[in-house]
Each structure stands twice: as C-alpha cells, then as structure tokens.
Protein backbone atom coordinates (compact mmCIF):
# COMPACT_ATOMS: atom_id res chain seq x y z
CA MET A 1 0.01 0.00 0.00
CA LYS A 2 2.80 2.44 0.89
CA LYS A 3 4.49 1.86 -2.48
CA GLN A 4 1.16 2.33 -4.31
CA ARG A 5 0.46 5.58 -2.38
CA MET A 6 3.90 6.95 -3.25
CA GLU A 7 3.40 6.06 -6.94
CA ASN A 8 -0.02 7.79 -6.95
CA ASN A 9 1.40 10.94 -5.40
CA SER A 10 4.24 10.96 -7.87
CA ARG A 11 1.78 10.57 -10.72
CA TYR A 12 -0.38 13.46 -9.55
CA ILE A 13 2.61 15.75 -9.01
CA SER A 14 4.15 14.79 -12.35
CA LYS A 15 0.96 15.49 -14.26
CA ALA A 16 0.44 18.95 -12.73
CA ALA A 17 1.99 20.92 -15.59
CA GLY A 18 5.61 19.73 -15.12
CA ILE A 19 7.12 23.13 -14.48
CA LEU A 20 10.74 23.27 -13.24
CA ARG A 21 10.81 19.73 -11.86
CA SER A 22 13.52 17.18 -11.14
CA ARG A 23 12.41 13.58 -11.24
CA LEU A 24 14.96 11.24 -9.74
CA GLY A 25 14.60 7.47 -9.51
CA ARG A 26 11.67 5.27 -10.48
CA GLY A 27 8.56 7.17 -9.35
CA GLY A 28 10.62 9.27 -6.95
CA VAL A 29 10.56 13.04 -7.04
CA ILE A 30 13.37 15.09 -5.48
CA LEU A 31 11.97 18.50 -5.97
CA ILE A 32 9.15 20.19 -7.82
CA LEU A 33 9.43 23.93 -8.15
CA SER A 34 6.28 25.92 -8.90
CA LEU A 35 3.69 23.51 -10.20
CA TRP A 36 1.65 26.66 -10.66
CA LEU A 37 2.08 30.40 -10.43
CA MET A 38 0.75 30.60 -6.88
CA PRO A 39 -1.28 33.74 -6.30
CA PRO A 40 0.37 36.25 -3.96
CA ALA A 41 -1.34 37.56 -0.86
CA GLY A 42 -4.51 39.42 -1.66
CA VAL A 43 -5.67 37.22 -4.55
CA ALA A 44 -8.91 35.55 -3.50
CA GLN A 45 -9.10 31.79 -3.93
CA PRO A 46 -12.25 29.62 -3.81
CA ASN A 47 -12.85 27.10 -1.03
CA VAL A 48 -9.92 28.21 1.13
CA VAL A 49 -10.45 28.05 4.90
CA ALA A 50 -8.87 30.34 7.48
CA ASP A 51 -5.14 30.53 6.79
CA LYS A 52 -2.34 29.44 9.06
CA ILE A 53 1.36 28.61 8.99
CA VAL A 54 1.92 24.90 8.30
CA GLY A 55 5.67 24.90 7.81
CA VAL A 56 8.73 26.97 8.71
CA VAL A 57 12.33 26.58 7.49
CA ASP A 58 14.68 29.01 9.15
CA ASP A 59 12.65 32.26 8.78
CA LYS A 60 10.77 31.13 5.63
CA ILE A 61 7.11 30.20 6.09
CA ILE A 62 4.65 28.02 4.20
CA LEU A 63 0.97 28.79 4.51
CA LEU A 64 -1.97 26.40 4.39
CA SER A 65 -3.30 28.52 1.51
CA ASP A 66 -0.13 27.76 -0.50
CA ILE A 67 -0.96 24.05 -0.43
CA GLN A 68 -4.71 24.56 -0.92
CA THR A 69 -4.09 26.77 -3.94
CA GLN A 70 -1.93 24.15 -5.63
CA ILE A 71 -4.58 21.49 -4.99
CA GLN A 72 -7.47 23.71 -6.10
CA GLN A 73 -5.78 24.70 -9.34
CA TYR A 74 -4.85 21.12 -10.11
CA ARG A 75 -8.43 20.03 -9.49
CA GLN A 76 -9.78 22.81 -11.74
CA GLN A 77 -7.51 21.85 -14.62
CA TYR A 78 -7.66 18.05 -14.47
CA LYS A 79 -11.11 17.50 -12.91
CA GLU A 80 -9.81 14.60 -10.84
CA GLU A 81 -10.14 13.52 -7.24
CA ILE A 82 -6.93 13.99 -5.28
CA PRO A 83 -5.86 11.63 -2.45
CA PRO A 84 -5.42 13.21 1.01
CA SER A 85 -1.74 12.25 1.03
CA PHE A 86 -1.15 14.55 -1.95
CA ALA A 87 -1.07 17.53 0.45
CA CYS A 88 1.72 15.80 2.41
CA SER A 89 3.78 15.42 -0.77
CA LEU A 90 3.23 19.06 -1.69
CA LEU A 91 4.33 20.23 1.76
CA ASP A 92 7.46 18.04 1.48
CA GLN A 93 8.30 19.69 -1.85
CA MET A 94 7.73 23.19 -0.42
CA LEU A 95 9.89 22.54 2.63
CA THR A 96 12.62 21.20 0.37
CA GLN A 97 12.47 24.31 -1.78
CA LYS A 98 12.67 26.59 1.28
CA LEU A 99 15.70 24.75 2.62
CA LEU A 100 17.47 24.82 -0.73
CA MET A 101 16.75 28.50 -1.12
CA THR A 102 17.95 29.27 2.44
CA GLN A 103 21.20 27.43 1.77
CA ALA A 104 21.62 29.14 -1.60
CA LEU A 105 21.55 32.49 0.18
CA LEU A 106 24.18 31.29 2.67
CA ASP A 107 26.31 30.06 -0.28
CA SER A 108 25.98 33.46 -2.02
CA VAL A 109 24.27 31.94 -5.07
CA LYS A 110 23.47 34.72 -7.54
CA ILE A 111 20.46 35.03 -9.83
CA THR A 112 20.45 38.08 -12.11
CA ASP A 113 17.45 40.28 -12.71
CA GLU A 114 17.65 39.35 -16.39
CA GLU A 115 17.39 35.64 -15.56
CA VAL A 116 14.36 36.28 -13.37
CA ALA A 117 12.70 38.41 -16.05
CA GLY A 118 13.27 35.73 -18.69
CA GLU A 119 11.86 32.91 -16.53
CA LEU A 120 8.89 35.07 -15.52
CA GLU A 121 8.13 35.88 -19.14
CA ARG A 122 8.27 32.18 -20.03
CA LYS A 123 5.81 31.32 -17.29
CA ILE A 124 3.43 34.13 -18.22
CA ARG A 125 3.41 32.78 -21.80
CA TYR A 126 2.81 29.24 -20.54
CA TYR A 127 -0.12 30.13 -18.31
CA SER A 128 -1.57 32.53 -20.88
CA ASN A 129 -1.67 29.65 -23.38
CA LEU A 130 -3.09 27.36 -20.72
CA LEU A 131 -5.95 29.72 -19.87
CA GLY A 132 -6.62 30.94 -23.44
CA GLY A 133 -4.66 34.19 -23.67
CA GLN A 134 -3.29 37.01 -21.56
CA ASP A 135 -6.79 38.48 -21.16
CA GLN A 136 -7.96 35.29 -19.50
CA LEU A 137 -4.88 35.18 -17.28
CA GLU A 138 -5.55 38.74 -16.12
CA LYS A 139 -9.21 37.87 -15.55
CA TYR A 140 -8.31 34.80 -13.51
CA TYR A 141 -6.06 36.72 -11.14
CA GLY A 142 -7.90 40.04 -11.30
CA LYS A 143 -4.65 41.88 -12.08
CA SER A 144 -2.82 43.21 -15.14
CA ILE A 145 0.16 41.34 -16.58
CA SER A 146 2.56 44.00 -15.25
CA GLN A 147 1.02 43.69 -11.77
CA LEU A 148 1.30 39.91 -11.89
CA LYS A 149 4.97 40.12 -12.86
CA ASP A 150 5.74 42.50 -10.01
CA GLU A 151 4.04 40.23 -7.48
CA PHE A 152 5.37 36.93 -8.79
CA GLN A 153 8.96 38.14 -9.15
CA PRO A 154 10.09 37.20 -5.61
CA GLN A 155 8.56 33.74 -6.00
CA ILE A 156 10.37 33.16 -9.28
CA ARG A 157 13.68 34.28 -7.78
CA GLU A 158 13.19 31.87 -4.86
CA GLN A 159 12.48 28.97 -7.26
CA MET A 160 15.54 29.75 -9.33
CA LEU A 161 17.78 29.99 -6.26
CA ALA A 162 16.52 26.62 -5.03
CA THR A 163 17.04 25.03 -8.45
CA ARG A 164 20.60 26.33 -8.72
CA GLU A 165 21.46 25.15 -5.22
CA GLN A 166 20.08 21.70 -6.02
CA GLN A 167 22.16 21.58 -9.19
CA SER A 168 25.30 22.41 -7.18
CA VAL A 169 24.56 19.58 -4.72
CA ILE A 170 24.19 16.88 -7.36
CA SER A 171 26.32 18.25 -10.23
CA ASP A 172 29.35 16.03 -9.53
CA VAL A 173 27.40 12.78 -9.14
CA LYS A 174 28.34 10.10 -11.69
CA VAL A 175 27.67 6.40 -12.10
CA SER A 176 30.03 3.64 -13.25
CA PRO A 177 29.06 0.74 -15.55
CA THR A 178 29.19 -1.52 -12.49
CA GLU A 179 26.73 0.73 -10.65
CA VAL A 180 24.43 0.75 -13.68
CA LYS A 181 24.39 -3.04 -13.82
CA SER A 182 23.84 -3.30 -10.07
CA TYR A 183 20.96 -0.79 -10.27
CA PHE A 184 19.32 -2.75 -13.11
CA ASN A 185 19.65 -6.03 -11.21
CA SER A 186 17.91 -4.48 -8.23
CA ILE A 187 14.74 -3.78 -10.26
CA PRO A 188 12.04 -6.39 -9.72
CA ALA A 189 11.21 -8.28 -12.89
CA ASP A 190 7.56 -7.16 -12.83
CA SER A 191 8.71 -3.51 -12.66
CA LEU A 192 10.79 -3.58 -15.85
CA ALA A 193 9.38 -1.24 -18.47
CA LEU A 194 7.81 -2.48 -21.69
CA TYR A 195 8.99 -0.36 -24.61
CA ASN A 196 7.34 0.01 -28.00
CA SER A 197 9.31 -0.17 -31.23
CA GLU A 198 11.68 2.83 -31.47
CA VAL A 199 13.99 4.30 -34.11
CA GLU A 200 16.96 6.69 -34.18
CA LEU A 201 17.34 8.72 -37.34
CA GLY A 202 20.10 10.90 -38.78
CA GLU A 203 19.80 13.22 -41.75
CA ILE A 204 21.83 15.22 -44.25
CA VAL A 205 19.75 18.07 -45.56
CA ILE A 206 20.33 19.82 -48.88
CA TYR A 207 18.06 22.80 -49.39
CA ALA A 208 17.30 24.16 -52.84
CA THR A 209 19.11 27.45 -53.48
CA VAL A 210 16.62 29.96 -54.87
CA ASN A 211 17.63 31.59 -58.12
CA PRO A 212 18.18 35.40 -58.26
CA GLU A 213 15.03 36.09 -60.29
CA MET A 214 12.73 34.51 -57.71
CA LYS A 215 14.56 36.27 -54.86
CA GLN A 216 14.03 39.58 -56.61
CA ALA A 217 10.36 38.84 -57.09
CA ALA A 218 9.98 38.13 -53.35
CA TYR A 219 11.91 41.28 -52.53
CA ASP A 220 9.72 43.39 -54.78
CA ARG A 221 6.64 41.92 -53.12
CA ILE A 222 7.75 42.73 -49.57
CA ARG A 223 8.84 46.22 -50.65
CA GLU A 224 5.36 46.87 -52.07
CA ILE A 225 3.79 45.78 -48.82
CA ARG A 226 6.13 47.97 -46.79
CA ASP A 227 5.27 50.98 -48.95
CA ARG A 228 1.58 50.39 -48.31
CA ILE A 229 2.24 50.51 -44.56
CA VAL A 230 4.83 53.32 -44.35
CA GLN A 231 3.65 55.57 -47.16
CA LYS A 232 -0.09 54.90 -47.31
CA GLY A 233 -0.69 54.16 -43.66
CA GLU A 234 -2.36 50.77 -44.17
CA SER A 235 -2.68 48.42 -41.20
CA PHE A 236 0.37 46.23 -40.58
CA VAL A 237 -1.86 43.70 -38.79
CA ASN A 238 -4.31 43.39 -41.69
CA LEU A 239 -1.59 43.05 -44.31
CA ALA A 240 0.17 40.42 -42.20
CA LYS A 241 -3.05 38.38 -42.03
CA PHE A 242 -3.53 38.59 -45.80
CA TYR A 243 0.04 38.31 -47.14
CA SER A 244 2.49 36.94 -44.57
CA GLU A 245 3.78 33.46 -45.39
CA ASP A 246 4.58 32.60 -41.78
CA PRO A 247 1.73 30.21 -40.89
CA GLY A 248 2.43 30.46 -37.21
CA SER A 249 2.01 34.22 -36.82
CA ALA A 250 -0.06 35.36 -39.80
CA PRO A 251 -3.46 34.58 -38.19
CA SER A 252 -2.54 36.85 -35.24
CA GLY A 253 -1.46 39.71 -37.43
CA GLY A 254 2.20 38.66 -37.45
CA GLU A 255 2.71 38.96 -33.66
CA LEU A 256 5.44 36.75 -32.23
CA GLY A 257 5.11 37.48 -28.51
CA PHE A 258 7.99 38.48 -26.24
CA ARG A 259 11.33 37.00 -27.23
CA SER A 260 14.81 37.22 -25.71
CA ARG A 261 18.12 37.56 -27.52
CA GLY A 262 19.23 34.23 -28.95
CA GLU A 263 15.67 32.97 -29.70
CA LEU A 264 15.39 34.39 -33.20
CA ASP A 265 17.23 34.28 -36.51
CA PRO A 266 20.33 36.53 -36.03
CA ALA A 267 19.50 38.99 -38.82
CA PHE A 268 15.86 39.21 -37.77
CA GLU A 269 16.84 39.61 -34.11
CA ALA A 270 19.29 42.43 -34.84
CA ALA A 271 16.62 44.36 -36.76
CA ALA A 272 13.95 43.73 -34.09
CA PHE A 273 16.12 44.98 -31.24
CA ALA A 274 17.23 48.01 -33.29
CA LEU A 275 13.66 49.38 -33.39
CA LYS A 276 13.23 52.17 -30.84
CA ASN A 277 9.56 53.14 -30.57
CA PRO A 278 6.32 51.14 -30.63
CA GLY A 279 4.90 51.28 -34.16
CA ASP A 280 8.31 51.69 -35.85
CA VAL A 281 8.70 49.56 -39.00
CA SER A 282 12.04 48.11 -40.05
CA ASP A 283 13.68 48.19 -43.42
CA ILE A 284 13.45 44.96 -45.44
CA ILE A 285 15.36 42.19 -43.66
CA GLU A 286 16.67 38.99 -45.22
CA SER A 287 16.82 36.04 -42.84
CA SER A 288 17.29 32.31 -43.34
CA PHE A 289 13.51 32.09 -43.90
CA GLY A 290 13.05 34.84 -46.47
CA TYR A 291 12.32 38.57 -46.51
CA HIS A 292 10.67 40.34 -43.59
CA ILE A 293 9.44 43.65 -42.42
CA ILE A 294 9.12 44.05 -38.64
CA GLN A 295 7.02 46.35 -36.49
CA LEU A 296 7.85 46.95 -32.83
CA ILE A 297 4.99 46.39 -30.38
CA GLU A 298 6.82 46.68 -27.06
CA ARG A 299 10.29 46.35 -25.62
CA ARG A 300 11.07 45.41 -22.01
CA GLY A 301 14.77 45.44 -21.32
CA GLU A 302 16.31 42.57 -23.26
CA ARG A 303 12.98 41.21 -24.40
CA VAL A 304 11.00 42.41 -27.37
CA ASN A 305 7.55 41.79 -28.81
CA VAL A 306 7.23 42.39 -32.54
CA ARG A 307 4.98 41.52 -35.44
CA HIS A 308 6.33 40.73 -38.88
CA ILE A 309 5.39 39.93 -42.45
CA LEU A 310 7.33 37.21 -44.26
CA ILE A 311 7.61 36.64 -47.98
CA ILE A 312 9.46 33.48 -48.96
CA PRO A 313 11.33 33.38 -52.30
CA LYS A 314 9.80 30.60 -54.33
CA THR A 315 11.75 27.55 -55.39
CA THR A 316 11.67 26.52 -59.10
CA GLN A 317 12.06 23.05 -60.56
CA ASP A 318 15.56 24.02 -61.76
CA ASP A 319 16.49 24.95 -58.16
CA LEU A 320 15.19 21.60 -56.91
CA HIS A 321 17.05 19.77 -59.64
CA ARG A 322 20.37 21.31 -58.63
CA ALA A 323 19.72 20.30 -55.00
CA SER A 324 18.83 16.79 -56.18
CA VAL A 325 22.11 16.45 -58.11
CA LEU A 326 24.13 17.53 -55.06
CA ALA A 327 22.20 15.21 -52.73
CA ASP A 328 22.73 12.28 -55.14
CA SER A 329 26.46 13.00 -55.20
CA VAL A 330 26.67 13.10 -51.40
CA GLN A 331 24.69 9.85 -51.11
CA GLN A 332 27.04 8.18 -53.59
CA LEU A 333 30.09 9.30 -51.61
CA ILE A 334 28.65 7.79 -48.45
CA SER A 335 27.44 4.54 -50.01
CA THR A 336 30.86 3.88 -51.57
CA GLY A 337 32.65 4.59 -48.32
CA LYS A 338 34.52 7.64 -49.61
CA ILE A 339 33.13 9.75 -46.76
CA THR A 340 31.38 8.87 -43.51
CA PHE A 341 27.91 9.99 -42.54
CA GLN A 342 29.48 12.45 -40.06
CA ASP A 343 31.67 13.88 -42.83
CA GLY A 344 28.57 14.36 -44.95
CA VAL A 345 26.78 16.13 -42.12
CA ASN A 346 29.73 18.43 -41.41
CA ARG A 347 30.45 19.29 -45.04
CA PHE A 348 27.07 19.41 -46.72
CA SER A 349 24.06 19.44 -44.34
CA MET A 350 22.16 22.75 -44.31
CA ASP A 351 19.84 22.11 -41.34
CA GLN A 352 21.49 23.67 -38.31
CA ASP A 353 19.31 21.93 -35.69
CA SER A 354 20.24 18.41 -36.70
CA LYS A 355 23.74 19.42 -37.80
CA ASN A 356 24.53 20.74 -34.33
CA ASN A 357 23.42 17.34 -32.96
CA GLY A 358 25.75 15.32 -35.19
CA GLY A 359 23.08 14.93 -37.81
CA MET A 360 20.61 13.20 -35.47
CA ILE A 361 16.97 14.22 -35.48
CA VAL A 362 15.74 15.16 -31.97
CA ASN A 363 12.34 14.12 -30.67
CA PRO A 364 10.72 17.39 -29.53
CA LYS A 365 8.53 15.54 -27.02
CA THR A 366 11.40 13.97 -25.14
CA SER A 367 14.52 15.90 -26.23
CA ALA A 368 16.06 12.49 -26.99
CA THR A 369 17.06 11.06 -30.39
CA THR A 370 14.63 8.12 -30.14
CA PHE A 371 11.10 8.10 -31.56
CA GLU A 372 8.32 5.63 -31.05
CA THR A 373 6.50 5.06 -34.36
CA ASP A 374 3.51 7.17 -33.42
CA GLN A 375 5.76 9.97 -32.18
CA LEU A 376 7.67 9.91 -35.48
CA GLY A 377 4.38 10.20 -37.35
CA ASP A 378 3.31 13.17 -35.26
CA PHE A 379 6.69 14.83 -35.89
CA ASP A 380 6.82 14.13 -39.65
CA LYS A 381 4.55 11.62 -41.34
CA SER A 382 6.78 11.39 -44.41
CA LEU A 383 9.61 9.97 -42.32
CA VAL A 384 7.51 6.92 -41.45
CA PHE A 385 7.12 6.08 -45.14
CA ASP A 386 10.68 7.01 -46.07
CA ILE A 387 12.23 4.49 -43.65
CA ALA A 388 9.57 1.75 -44.06
CA ASN A 389 11.90 -0.63 -45.93
CA MET A 390 15.20 0.37 -44.32
CA LYS A 391 17.25 -1.69 -41.89
CA PRO A 392 19.53 -0.39 -39.15
CA GLY A 393 22.64 1.05 -40.76
CA ASP A 394 20.93 1.74 -44.11
CA PHE A 395 21.07 5.09 -45.91
CA SER A 396 18.15 6.23 -47.99
CA THR A 397 18.23 7.67 -51.45
CA PRO A 398 17.62 11.46 -51.33
CA LYS A 399 14.03 12.23 -50.42
CA THR A 400 12.19 15.48 -51.23
CA PHE A 401 10.65 17.39 -48.32
CA THR A 402 9.31 20.79 -47.32
CA THR A 403 9.85 22.41 -43.93
CA ASP A 404 7.10 24.08 -41.90
CA ALA A 405 8.62 27.41 -43.02
CA GLY A 406 8.16 26.45 -46.68
CA LYS A 407 11.80 25.66 -47.56
CA GLN A 408 12.18 22.80 -50.06
CA GLY A 409 15.03 20.40 -50.54
CA TYR A 410 16.29 16.85 -50.22
CA ARG A 411 17.44 14.79 -47.30
CA ILE A 412 19.44 11.62 -46.98
CA LEU A 413 18.24 9.53 -44.03
CA TRP A 414 20.31 7.21 -41.91
CA LEU A 415 18.48 4.62 -39.82
CA LYS A 416 20.98 4.38 -37.00
CA ASN A 417 18.97 2.01 -34.85
CA GLU A 418 15.60 0.30 -34.63
CA THR A 419 14.33 -1.73 -31.72
CA LYS A 420 11.40 -4.12 -31.57
CA PRO A 421 8.84 -4.03 -28.76
CA HIS A 422 10.67 -5.43 -25.75
CA ARG A 423 11.01 -5.61 -22.02
CA GLU A 424 13.64 -3.27 -20.61
CA ASN A 425 17.15 -4.76 -20.74
CA LEU A 426 20.77 -3.62 -20.55
CA LYS A 427 21.58 -4.45 -24.18
CA ASP A 428 18.85 -2.35 -25.79
CA ASP A 429 18.24 0.28 -23.15
CA TYR A 430 21.59 0.94 -21.50
CA ASP A 431 21.46 4.73 -21.91
CA ARG A 432 18.04 4.96 -20.31
CA ILE A 433 18.99 2.64 -17.48
CA GLN A 434 22.19 4.62 -16.94
CA GLN A 435 20.13 7.80 -16.67
CA SER A 436 17.74 6.20 -14.16
CA ALA A 437 20.71 4.92 -12.13
CA LEU A 438 22.23 8.38 -12.17
CA GLN A 439 18.99 9.93 -11.04
CA LYS A 440 18.64 7.40 -8.22
CA LYS A 441 22.15 8.18 -7.03
CA GLN A 442 21.48 11.92 -7.26
CA MET A 443 18.35 11.44 -5.19
CA ASP A 444 20.35 9.57 -2.54
CA VAL A 445 22.96 12.33 -2.46
CA LEU A 446 20.35 15.07 -2.18
CA ASN A 447 18.45 13.21 0.55
CA ALA A 448 21.68 12.82 2.54
CA TRP A 449 22.37 16.53 2.03
CA LEU A 450 18.81 17.39 3.19
CA ASN A 451 19.09 15.26 6.30
CA ASP A 452 22.35 16.96 7.23
CA LYS A 453 20.98 20.46 6.69
CA ILE A 454 17.68 19.72 8.46
CA ALA A 455 19.66 18.69 11.54
CA HIS A 456 21.27 22.16 11.67
CA THR A 457 18.31 24.30 10.55
CA TYR A 458 15.24 25.41 12.46
CA VAL A 459 12.26 23.51 11.03
CA HIS A 460 8.70 23.48 12.25
CA VAL A 461 5.79 21.43 10.82
CA ASP A 462 2.18 21.88 11.83
CA SER A 463 0.74 19.00 13.88
CA ASP A 464 -1.82 18.20 11.16
CA TYR A 465 0.99 16.90 8.93
CA ARG A 466 3.19 15.06 11.42
CA ASP A 467 1.75 11.64 10.62
CA CYS A 468 2.72 11.97 6.95
CA PRO A 469 5.50 9.52 5.95
CA ASP A 470 6.92 12.19 3.58
CA ILE A 471 7.27 14.66 6.49
CA ARG A 472 9.09 12.49 9.10
CA LYS A 473 12.57 13.56 7.96
CA TRP A 474 11.59 17.18 8.70
CA MET A 475 10.92 16.37 12.39
CA GLN A 476 14.44 15.38 13.43
CA GLN A 477 14.71 18.11 16.03
CA ASP A 478 11.33 17.23 17.54
CA LEU A 479 12.19 13.53 17.73
CA LYS A 480 15.38 14.33 19.68
CA ARG A 481 13.47 16.24 22.34
C-alpha cells in the first residue's frame, strides 16, 4: 500500500504541468518547483479556509493557503479527485524548496534580474496559453500582466535559487558501468518497463538554393507591402493576415510574442532589437527564412515583442534539380565509403538543428534522439514512409521534403537503430537505465544533504501533517526532544 500511495502521489505531481521539476529514480521526485504560479497575498481563492502557517524553514514560512491553492488549481484543470496524502507530498516539496533557497543565500548563489525576467516571461506565456490568452490570465487573477509580474517576481527568484542550489549539490554525481548493472539487477522483474518499437534517425539536408530572379520577385513583393504601410498608412496587422507566409504568426497579425536575444534568426533579431519606438517599422530584412518587415509592439529590457510579415522566395524546378544532383552526389560518396555519414553532415548538411546534434533528429517531445513510431508520425509523417523498408545502418536515397517554413530540398536519411517491442534490458536500453541509475544516485545524495541540513536548521511542521511519511525527515529536532 505504501508503495502504491507513493506512486499515486508521484503521478499526480508529475501530471500537474511539469514546471521546473527534477524527477529522480523510479517514481521518486526530489523537488518540484512551482507547479503553478501561486497567487500572492490578496488574490482571493475559492474554497480556502482560514489561513495558518503549516511549515517553517529558518525564517521562511509556508501557509496552508499555499498548499490549498496548488490542490485547487490542479483540481480545476484536471477534474480529478486527489488523495489526502497529496497535500503531504506538496508540503514536502515546499519545505525542500525553502531549505534549498535558504542554503543558496548562505552560499551566495546569484540570480540576475535578467534571468528572473526571462523565466517570468516564459511562465506568463505558458499560463496565458493554458488559460486561453493574456486576457484570460488577467481575468483569472484580477490583475494586469505587469502587476502579476511585479508580485510573482520574488517567488520566481526563490524557485531559481533553489534550483541552482540543487544543481550544485548533485552536479558532480556520476555512475560507473558496475553501478548501472547493479541498479538494473535491483529492479524487480515485474517492474521492468515495456517499450514499443523505437527508431533513431540521422539526416543530411540539402536545401534548394533559390535563383536570383525569384529572390528579386519576393523582394519586390515585400517592398510593395512595406510601402503600403509606411507611405499609405495601411494596417500592418491586416496586411500580415492577408500576405504573410509565416503560418504560425499570420493569423494573429504577425505577432510573435515576447522573445529574448538568442531565440530568433540573427538577422531578424538584430533588426527587431534596433527598433526604438512602438509602431516603428524596419527596413526589409533577409533572414534564413526569407524577406521580412518588422514592427515593434513593445520592448522590455532585453525582451522584445514584434509583429512581422514574411515573404518566402519561391523555389523553381531548376532549383530543386540542382539540389537533387548535389544530394545524389553526397549519397554516392557515403554509400561507396569515400566519406562517412558524419563527414557528410559536417560538409554538406544545411539544417543547423540536426547538424549541431551530429546529424541526429531530436524528438521534440522527449529531447532524446529516439522516436516511437506514433511519435515519429506526429513529428513528420513522411519519415515513417521514407524508412519503411530500411534496416539499421541503411542510408536512404535522397528524399524530397518541405519544412514548416516552406523551404524545399532533399534529405538523406540514416536509420541508426531500430528496436522491436521489448522488455527493458541492458543491451537495448543501456542509456536509459544509466540515466535512471544516475537519477537514483542523485536522489540519494540530495536526501543525505537534506538530512544533514535539516539537523542544523530550524524547522517546524504543523501538527496536522506530522503523521505523513513524507514529512518525518523534517521532524528530526522534535524527535530528539
């Protein structure tokens, strides 16, 4: 029963948005930072009884309303019943965060204002999307976005301090092959995971180079649109909706939302940050996607919100043919052993994302290079068909494809590995088992660190929570009395 209760608590905590969390071990959670943006004092919450202090670490307090708010918001989003022990797990996480944050201050851990602003902006975007837009977020809290940022800023800084202190505690932890094998052997047979068929794919991408005539035609088109805005005063938003070839932003009038430096194409970013006043329109900018004009909406320090119109130079059949000839030549060099796949990636591939990862395609859902078949289909249906008759180690003939941004070209695929549905084992799943073993060891190290710090830190837990198994380690000082 105890194991089942712990697994249920872990499942509930894991499902609750997954913000800034560290999951260590099988079903074990070291620390969860900010499942939600918890409303500051003064924000009314439904079904909250009279408040009281339920936990203290040093001079940092945890209120009953903090726990109730997390539970209430989880219940509103997921419409599920929550076990009583879930509150115990939440308090354990909050006490852990307070202790980590307290120690971070003693260790002089620094978090810059820019880091806090960036994390706060990311969370505002996340919760705006979750609730259906910034208007809905403001309605939910009864405050403007700027007011919410001012009030949430201390909470975000605390979370970031705790995270950085945690990272410093476990950063040097490593596992040896012997430890990995020992960890795997300790897993009960009925607890071994069952994995679906998975593939690892590499690619060499050759984009078609657009000819000068088509580039000029695209340039002339964007210049005409800019003249209509700057000289005739037409609406940038309306023209973006009608003419922009960026499918992601065109429906919203070209608006991209707040972005930090490093998030955008370098040429586009330089032009966006060069704009001074809201409403200013840039000159024509050429990026890796095509030609743009940019209008500044708002700038906040090193973050900027702009809208843009994109016109993509069109690819002709001659352009595609030249790309096909080059791709065929590269494929021939690889198949005859004159160059390796890695050589081909380094010398010829034009996709920076996969090129920076050694040519491997990254699964956006997991940030790993493995895809289950259905995940691969969600990512790119054409890949499923392109590798249908390939075996591990095979290279495909060049395949035509078009990116989400409209760029056309050819890619050579390498099926690095393919596994059949199987029960977890060291041969097929060593990397995953190694990661789990590392996480388990990190959890042990952090727990030992927590026990040591708890023994030398003032901690108080309300009597309502003292029967919780998760809370017993926080009562060391009481047990000694």
